[in-house]
Amino acid sequence: MNAALDDLAGAIFNGLLPDSWRKLSPQTEKKLGSWIQWFTRRYNQYDRWTNEGDPAVMWLSGLHIPESYTTALVQACCRSKQWA
């Protein structure tokens, strides 16, 4: 076992979010169990958006980067209306 796998195993054993996972996720102080629950809810949310379309109402301040969502809306509108 190398050092990276040893660190991963130690973090999981202690119920902490492994550093290798922390680098790929939004900044958080959650323990591993809470983070897994959050990740599962977020995955289900994105899955619903993919299969059922965008929600009718969006809570912008609840997004990680709200500016990216509003930029995507502007781009989608411009493409659908063939605007520059």
Protein backbone atom coordinates (compact mmCIF):
# COMPACT_ATOMS: atom_id res chain seq x y z
CA MET A 1 0.00 0.00 0.00
CA ASN A 2 1.40 3.39 -0.91
CA ALA A 3 1.11 6.60 1.13
CA ALA A 4 -1.93 7.90 -0.80
CA LEU A 5 -3.92 4.70 -0.17
CA ASP A 6 -2.82 4.68 3.45
CA ASP A 7 -4.04 8.27 3.91
CA LEU A 8 -7.32 7.39 2.19
CA ALA A 9 -7.87 4.35 4.40
CA GLY A 10 -7.01 6.31 7.53
CA ALA A 11 -9.43 9.12 6.69
CA ILE A 12 -12.27 6.70 5.94
CA PHE A 13 -11.55 4.71 9.10
CA ASN A 14 -11.70 7.93 11.17
CA GLY A 15 -14.86 9.17 9.42
CA LEU A 16 -13.14 12.14 7.76
CA LEU A 17 -13.33 13.35 4.19
CA PRO A 18 -10.13 12.15 2.46
CA ASP A 19 -7.88 14.93 1.17
CA SER A 20 -7.89 13.46 -2.34
CA TRP A 21 -11.71 13.81 -2.40
CA ARG A 22 -11.64 17.23 -0.73
CA LYS A 23 -9.61 18.63 -3.65
CA LEU A 24 -12.42 17.71 -6.07
CA SER A 25 -15.39 18.98 -4.04
CA PRO A 26 -16.61 22.36 -2.78
CA GLN A 27 -14.91 23.56 0.40
CA THR A 28 -16.52 21.99 3.45
CA GLU A 29 -15.89 21.10 7.07
CA LYS A 30 -18.32 18.16 7.01
CA LYS A 31 -17.36 14.75 8.31
CA LEU A 32 -17.45 11.85 5.87
CA GLY A 33 -20.98 10.65 6.74
CA SER A 34 -22.53 14.11 6.34
CA TRP A 35 -20.56 14.70 3.15
CA ILE A 36 -21.79 11.42 1.62
CA GLN A 37 -25.40 12.41 2.40
CA TRP A 38 -24.82 15.85 0.81
CA PHE A 39 -23.16 14.26 -2.23
CA THR A 40 -26.04 11.81 -2.68
CA ARG A 41 -28.65 14.60 -2.51
CA ARG A 42 -26.66 16.72 -4.98
CA TYR A 43 -26.28 13.78 -7.37
CA ASN A 44 -30.03 13.08 -7.21
CA GLN A 45 -30.74 16.76 -7.85
CA TYR A 46 -28.57 16.81 -10.97
CA ASP A 47 -30.08 13.52 -12.12
CA ARG A 48 -33.60 15.00 -11.85
CA TRP A 49 -32.50 18.09 -13.79
CA THR A 50 -31.10 15.87 -16.52
CA ASN A 51 -34.17 13.64 -16.80
CA GLU A 52 -36.99 16.09 -16.00
CA GLY A 53 -35.54 19.43 -17.11
CA ASP A 54 -34.70 22.57 -15.18
CA PRO A 55 -36.81 23.42 -12.12
CA ALA A 56 -39.47 26.13 -12.42
CA VAL A 57 -37.94 28.08 -9.51
CA MET A 58 -34.22 28.37 -8.68
CA TRP A 59 -32.68 29.43 -5.36
CA LEU A 60 -29.60 31.23 -6.73
CA SER A 61 -27.84 31.81 -3.42
CA GLY A 62 -28.06 28.06 -2.76
CA LEU A 63 -25.82 27.32 -5.73
CA HIS A 64 -22.07 26.95 -5.34
CA ILE A 65 -21.38 29.50 -8.10
CA PRO A 66 -24.66 31.28 -8.95
CA GLU A 67 -23.04 33.38 -11.69
CA SER A 68 -22.36 30.28 -13.76
CA TYR A 69 -26.04 29.31 -13.70
CA THR A 70 -27.21 32.76 -14.80
CA THR A 71 -24.55 32.80 -17.54
CA ALA A 72 -25.80 29.42 -18.77
CA LEU A 73 -29.37 30.76 -18.86
CA VAL A 74 -28.29 33.76 -20.95
CA GLN A 75 -26.37 31.50 -23.33
CA ALA A 76 -29.29 29.10 -23.71
CA CYS A 77 -31.69 31.97 -24.43
CA CYS A 78 -29.37 33.53 -27.00
CA ARG A 79 -28.89 30.18 -28.76
CA SER A 80 -32.61 29.46 -28.89
CA LYS A 81 -33.34 32.91 -30.38
CA GLN A 82 -30.18 32.88 -32.57
CA TRP A 83 -28.86 36.09 -31.01
CA ALA A 84 -25.17 37.01 -31.00
